[in-house]
Amino acid sequence: MARRAPIPSVRAAGGVVWRLRNGKVEVAVIHRPRYDDWSFPKGKLDEGETELAAAVREVAEELGSTVAVSRRIGDVRYEVFGGLKSVDYWVMRHISGTFQPGAEVDEIEWLRPKVAREVLTYDFDRRMLADFSAMPVPDSMVLLVRHARAGKRSEWRGPDRERPLDVVGEGQAARLANLLALFRPDRVISADLVRCTETVRPLADHLGLPVRVDPVFGDEEFVASPTATEDAVLALAKPGKVTVVCSQGVTIPGLVDRLGRGLDDSDTRKGSFWALAVVDGTVVSTDYYDDAVRS
């Protein structure tokens, strides 16, 4: 009988943060005087915090950077005093911010990846750097959201497209707003159903953006012409753009099947989303997030 892998007792998250300087990609590495080491910014999760939220918070605290999240790189596990530690990493684009030295991090360097590899202290950081360097940095992101919970269709007396979110769905929509905002979207689009627009309304209000309604992203349109919906998604993937699209339970997994890379399962729970990283019009990674459902 196979033995189960031990469950990590310490959960942490961090990021490989990059910027362009003179047209070249540089990544940020930090020096921690307590350990006299060079690594990527990371830290432990606060109680009730998701890995993604913790990664962005730790980057802000250690680098002073405001960032836009793109693709998930992976995770590492290693033994620490008291148990097993797991660290999840994301690629993040530096937007703004200024580093301030402190007790935990006294110095940072922005380095070309080849140079960073020689500076980093730990093999697991070098593995994350190799994964980062394995593909170009995304030039756009499309976040495909399945609407939050809207109760039972049999209990709703009006037209189905007017069925609103229930209390659980409203909570999911609020949590989605916090998660999706970490990707720094600049457009919010919804299928023409109330439960879809209500799912992304908290995000749009938080960002000060309108919700653009487009029937092409609804299930009816997708079933009638999946290619048209796929083309509409790819048309959103313009360089520098991050777009949220909210739709239904046929369209979202259907689009993921058509656009995803190397996926075995495109099942999408209500209130969850897929983050598609795009380079030159091609989807290069597809990450699934159901944190808003599990919270």
Protein backbone atom coordinates (compact mmCIF):
# COMPACT_ATOMS: atom_id res chain seq x y z
CA MET A 1 0.00 0.00 0.00
CA ALA A 2 1.43 3.35 -1.08
CA ARG A 3 2.20 5.81 1.69
CA ARG A 4 0.63 9.25 1.50
CA ALA A 5 2.91 12.24 1.20
CA PRO A 6 3.09 14.25 4.44
CA ILE A 7 0.83 17.29 4.61
CA PRO A 8 2.85 20.52 4.86
CA SER A 9 2.68 22.10 8.31
CA VAL A 10 4.02 25.45 7.07
CA ARG A 11 2.44 27.10 4.03
CA ALA A 12 4.09 30.01 2.28
CA ALA A 13 3.94 31.80 -1.06
CA GLY A 14 6.05 34.16 -3.12
CA GLY A 15 6.81 35.48 -6.55
CA VAL A 16 9.33 35.80 -9.33
CA VAL A 17 8.91 39.51 -9.98
CA TRP A 18 10.09 40.88 -13.30
CA ARG A 19 10.43 44.18 -15.10
CA LEU A 20 11.71 45.37 -18.45
CA ARG A 21 14.80 47.57 -18.50
CA ASN A 22 16.21 48.69 -21.83
CA GLY A 23 14.06 46.03 -23.45
CA LYS A 24 15.54 43.22 -21.33
CA VAL A 25 13.82 41.17 -18.62
CA GLU A 26 15.18 41.54 -15.10
CA VAL A 27 14.03 39.66 -11.98
CA ALA A 28 14.19 40.82 -8.36
CA VAL A 29 16.18 38.91 -5.75
CA ILE A 30 16.34 39.81 -2.07
CA HIS A 31 19.05 39.56 0.58
CA ARG A 32 18.01 38.50 4.09
CA PRO A 33 20.61 39.47 6.70
CA ARG A 34 19.30 36.92 9.23
CA TYR A 35 20.32 34.05 6.92
CA ASP A 36 22.82 35.92 4.74
CA ASP A 37 21.14 34.46 1.67
CA TRP A 38 19.74 35.60 -1.69
CA SER A 39 16.30 34.36 -2.66
CA PHE A 40 12.97 35.32 -4.17
CA PRO A 41 10.50 37.20 -1.96
CA LYS A 42 8.17 34.88 -0.07
CA GLY A 43 6.54 34.42 3.31
CA LYS A 44 4.07 32.49 5.42
CA LEU A 45 0.31 32.72 4.94
CA ASP A 46 -1.69 34.67 7.49
CA GLU A 47 -4.67 32.89 9.01
CA GLY A 48 -7.47 32.56 6.44
CA GLU A 49 -5.28 33.94 3.63
CA THR A 50 -5.02 32.30 0.21
CA GLU A 51 -1.64 31.41 -1.26
CA LEU A 52 -2.07 33.95 -4.06
CA ALA A 53 -3.01 36.80 -1.71
CA ALA A 54 -0.08 35.93 0.56
CA ALA A 55 2.34 35.93 -2.37
CA VAL A 56 1.28 39.43 -3.44
CA ARG A 57 1.36 40.74 0.14
CA GLU A 58 4.83 39.33 0.79
CA VAL A 59 6.18 40.85 -2.43
CA ALA A 60 4.75 44.22 -1.41
CA GLU A 61 6.30 43.96 2.06
CA GLU A 62 9.73 42.73 1.00
CA LEU A 63 10.21 44.50 -2.33
CA GLY A 64 7.91 47.48 -1.91
CA SER A 65 6.42 46.51 -5.27
CA THR A 66 2.92 46.84 -6.60
CA VAL A 67 2.57 43.93 -9.03
CA ALA A 68 0.24 42.31 -11.53
CA VAL A 69 0.00 38.51 -11.21
CA SER A 70 0.17 36.38 -14.34
CA ARG A 71 0.91 32.65 -14.42
CA ARG A 72 1.53 30.19 -11.61
CA ILE A 73 5.04 28.75 -11.75
CA GLY A 74 4.82 25.88 -9.31
CA ASP A 75 5.64 24.93 -5.75
CA VAL A 76 8.53 23.56 -3.74
CA ARG A 77 8.54 21.48 -0.54
CA TYR A 78 11.34 21.04 1.91
CA GLU A 79 11.96 20.12 5.52
CA VAL A 80 12.10 22.86 8.14
CA PHE A 81 12.25 22.79 11.92
CA GLY A 82 8.91 21.44 13.05
CA GLY A 83 7.75 19.84 9.80
CA LEU A 84 7.38 20.21 6.06
CA LYS A 85 7.18 23.61 4.33
CA SER A 86 5.46 24.26 1.00
CA VAL A 87 5.93 27.43 -1.05
CA ASP A 88 3.79 28.34 -4.07
CA TYR A 89 5.20 30.79 -6.62
CA TRP A 90 3.71 33.08 -9.26
CA VAL A 91 5.13 35.20 -12.05
CA MET A 92 4.43 38.86 -11.27
CA ARG A 93 5.05 42.01 -13.28
CA HIS A 94 6.46 44.96 -11.35
CA ILE A 95 4.25 48.01 -11.83
CA SER A 96 5.53 50.54 -9.31
CA GLY A 97 7.02 50.96 -5.86
CA THR A 98 10.31 51.71 -4.16
CA PHE A 99 12.31 49.36 -1.97
CA GLN A 100 12.95 50.38 1.64
CA PRO A 101 15.60 48.38 3.54
CA GLY A 102 14.43 46.72 6.75
CA ALA A 103 15.33 44.12 9.33
CA GLU A 104 14.09 41.19 7.22
CA VAL A 105 15.35 42.38 3.81
CA ASP A 106 18.25 44.82 3.69
CA GLU A 107 19.09 44.74 -0.03
CA ILE A 108 17.56 43.83 -3.39
CA GLU A 109 19.00 43.43 -6.86
CA TRP A 110 17.33 43.52 -10.27
CA LEU A 111 19.26 41.05 -12.40
CA ARG A 112 19.09 39.35 -15.76
CA PRO A 113 17.95 35.74 -15.23
CA LYS A 114 21.34 34.23 -16.09
CA VAL A 115 23.03 36.45 -13.52
CA ALA A 116 20.31 35.81 -10.94
CA ARG A 117 20.90 32.08 -11.25
CA GLU A 118 24.49 32.55 -10.06
CA VAL A 119 23.43 34.81 -7.18
CA LEU A 120 20.54 32.74 -5.76
CA THR A 121 21.51 30.67 -2.73
CA TYR A 122 19.06 27.77 -2.99
CA ASP A 123 18.48 25.12 -5.63
CA PHE A 124 14.68 25.40 -5.31
CA ASP A 125 14.86 29.10 -6.20
CA ARG A 126 16.97 28.23 -9.21
CA ARG A 127 14.32 25.68 -10.23
CA MET A 128 11.64 28.38 -10.04
CA LEU A 129 13.85 30.67 -12.10
CA ALA A 130 14.28 27.92 -14.71
CA ASP A 131 10.49 27.51 -14.90
CA PHE A 132 10.11 31.27 -15.23
CA SER A 133 12.65 31.39 -18.05
CA ALA A 134 11.16 28.41 -19.89
CA MET A 135 8.66 30.63 -21.70
CA PRO A 136 8.35 34.32 -22.56
CA VAL A 137 6.66 36.56 -20.02
CA PRO A 138 2.91 36.88 -20.80
CA ASP A 139 1.95 39.95 -22.77
CA SER A 140 -1.75 39.67 -21.82
CA MET A 141 -4.07 37.77 -19.51
CA VAL A 142 -7.67 36.56 -19.90
CA LEU A 143 -9.48 35.47 -16.74
CA LEU A 144 -12.46 33.20 -17.46
CA VAL A 145 -14.93 33.22 -14.56
CA ARG A 146 -17.87 30.89 -14.07
CA HIS A 147 -20.67 32.80 -12.38
CA ALA A 148 -21.20 32.35 -8.64
CA ARG A 149 -24.03 30.34 -7.10
CA ALA A 150 -27.52 31.49 -8.08
CA GLY A 151 -29.78 29.03 -6.29
CA LYS A 152 -31.97 26.41 -7.88
CA ARG A 153 -33.52 27.08 -11.26
CA SER A 154 -36.69 25.22 -10.19
CA GLU A 155 -37.24 27.70 -7.35
CA TRP A 156 -36.96 30.82 -9.53
CA ARG A 157 -40.26 32.00 -11.05
CA GLY A 158 -38.96 34.54 -13.52
CA PRO A 159 -37.00 34.19 -16.78
CA ASP A 160 -33.87 32.13 -16.19
CA ARG A 161 -31.52 34.83 -17.52
CA GLU A 162 -32.80 37.12 -14.75
CA ARG A 163 -32.05 34.65 -11.94
CA PRO A 164 -29.83 36.48 -9.41
CA LEU A 165 -27.09 35.28 -7.11
CA ASP A 166 -28.15 33.79 -3.80
CA VAL A 167 -26.54 34.66 -0.46
CA VAL A 168 -23.74 32.13 -0.95
CA GLY A 169 -23.13 33.44 -4.46
CA GLU A 170 -22.87 37.00 -3.20
CA GLY A 171 -20.15 35.91 -0.81
CA GLN A 172 -18.33 34.13 -3.63
CA ALA A 173 -18.56 37.26 -5.80
CA ALA A 174 -17.01 39.36 -3.02
CA ARG A 175 -14.12 36.91 -2.60
CA LEU A 176 -13.65 36.71 -6.36
CA ALA A 177 -13.29 40.49 -6.49
CA ASN A 178 -10.34 40.31 -4.08
CA LEU A 179 -8.62 37.51 -6.00
CA LEU A 180 -9.20 38.80 -9.52
CA ALA A 181 -7.99 42.29 -8.55
CA LEU A 182 -4.52 40.83 -7.92
CA PHE A 183 -4.15 40.36 -11.69
CA ARG A 184 -4.81 44.10 -12.23
CA PRO A 185 -7.58 43.74 -14.85
CA ASP A 186 -8.46 46.76 -16.96
CA ARG A 187 -11.62 45.33 -18.59
CA VAL A 188 -14.59 43.45 -17.14
CA ILE A 189 -16.96 41.66 -19.55
CA SER A 190 -20.01 39.51 -18.85
CA ALA A 191 -22.47 37.31 -20.66
CA ASP A 192 -25.96 38.81 -20.77
CA LEU A 193 -27.33 37.06 -17.67
CA VAL A 194 -28.00 38.70 -14.33
CA ARG A 195 -26.08 36.04 -12.39
CA CYS A 196 -23.03 36.69 -14.58
CA THR A 197 -23.09 40.49 -14.28
CA GLU A 198 -23.71 40.25 -10.52
CA THR A 199 -20.69 37.96 -10.14
CA VAL A 200 -18.25 40.55 -11.51
CA ARG A 201 -20.03 43.70 -10.31
CA PRO A 202 -18.10 43.84 -6.99
CA LEU A 203 -14.81 43.60 -8.93
CA ALA A 204 -15.85 46.29 -11.41
CA ASP A 205 -16.99 48.60 -8.62
CA HIS A 206 -13.72 48.05 -6.74
CA LEU A 207 -11.68 48.90 -9.83
CA GLY A 208 -13.93 51.73 -11.01
CA LEU A 209 -14.63 49.95 -14.30
CA PRO A 210 -17.88 49.37 -16.19
CA VAL A 211 -19.21 45.87 -16.83
CA ARG A 212 -19.47 45.41 -20.56
CA VAL A 213 -22.21 42.93 -21.53
CA ASP A 214 -21.68 40.76 -24.61
CA PRO A 215 -24.05 37.89 -25.53
CA VAL A 216 -21.29 36.10 -27.46
CA PHE A 217 -19.97 34.81 -24.11
CA GLY A 218 -23.22 33.12 -23.05
CA ASP A 219 -23.93 29.39 -23.29
CA GLU A 220 -26.50 29.79 -26.06
CA GLU A 221 -24.06 31.62 -28.30
CA PHE A 222 -21.23 29.26 -27.48
CA VAL A 223 -23.25 26.14 -28.25
CA ALA A 224 -24.43 27.69 -31.53
CA SER A 225 -20.93 28.81 -32.58
CA PRO A 226 -18.03 27.86 -30.28
CA THR A 227 -15.51 29.21 -32.78
CA ALA A 228 -17.10 32.66 -32.64
CA THR A 229 -16.82 32.73 -28.84
CA GLU A 230 -13.25 31.45 -28.97
CA ASP A 231 -12.34 34.14 -31.51
CA ALA A 232 -13.95 36.76 -29.26
CA VAL A 233 -11.78 35.64 -26.33
CA LEU A 234 -8.58 35.69 -28.36
CA ALA A 235 -9.48 39.14 -29.69
CA LEU A 236 -9.33 40.38 -26.10
CA ALA A 237 -5.74 39.17 -25.67
CA LYS A 238 -4.10 42.40 -26.77
CA PRO A 239 -0.59 43.23 -25.49
CA GLY A 240 -0.74 44.89 -22.11
CA LYS A 241 -4.40 44.01 -21.51
CA VAL A 242 -5.87 41.99 -18.63
CA THR A 243 -9.51 41.06 -19.18
CA VAL A 244 -12.08 39.35 -16.96
CA VAL A 245 -14.87 37.44 -18.76
CA CYS A 246 -17.77 35.97 -16.77
CA SER A 247 -19.89 33.23 -18.29
CA GLN A 248 -21.63 29.91 -17.62
CA GLY A 249 -21.02 26.23 -16.98
CA VAL A 250 -20.88 25.14 -20.61
CA THR A 251 -18.90 28.03 -22.05
CA ILE A 252 -16.07 28.29 -19.50
CA PRO A 253 -14.91 24.64 -19.53
CA GLY A 254 -15.59 24.53 -23.27
CA LEU A 255 -13.27 27.47 -23.87
CA VAL A 256 -10.64 25.99 -21.59
CA ASP A 257 -10.77 22.73 -23.55
CA ARG A 258 -10.27 24.62 -26.79
CA LEU A 259 -7.63 27.06 -25.57
CA GLY A 260 -5.88 25.26 -22.71
CA ARG A 261 -2.56 23.54 -22.90
CA GLY A 262 -2.05 19.99 -21.60
CA LEU A 263 -5.15 19.90 -19.39
CA ASP A 264 -6.74 16.64 -18.29
CA ASP A 265 -9.72 18.23 -16.54
CA SER A 266 -11.52 21.48 -17.36
CA ASP A 267 -14.24 21.07 -14.74
CA THR A 268 -15.11 24.53 -13.38
CA ARG A 269 -17.05 25.05 -10.17
CA LYS A 270 -19.41 27.98 -9.74
CA GLY A 271 -17.48 30.95 -8.43
CA SER A 272 -14.12 29.71 -9.74
CA PHE A 273 -11.99 30.94 -12.63
CA TRP A 274 -9.20 30.12 -15.06
CA ALA A 275 -6.25 32.43 -15.69
CA LEU A 276 -5.01 32.20 -19.28
CA ALA A 277 -1.58 33.68 -19.95
CA VAL A 278 -1.13 34.71 -23.57
CA VAL A 279 2.00 35.38 -25.63
CA ASP A 280 1.64 36.67 -29.20
CA GLY A 281 -1.98 35.50 -29.37
CA THR A 282 -1.23 31.97 -28.09
CA VAL A 283 -2.30 30.66 -24.69
CA VAL A 284 0.88 29.44 -22.98
CA SER A 285 -0.48 28.50 -19.55
CA THR A 286 -3.85 27.81 -17.95
CA ASP A 287 -4.26 27.97 -14.17
CA TYR A 288 -7.38 27.10 -12.18
CA TYR A 289 -8.49 28.94 -9.03
CA ASP A 290 -11.35 27.83 -6.80
CA ASP A 291 -10.29 29.78 -3.69
CA ALA A 292 -13.51 31.80 -3.66
CA VAL A 293 -15.51 28.55 -3.54
CA ARG A 294 -13.40 26.95 -0.80
CA SER A 295 -13.24 29.99 1.51
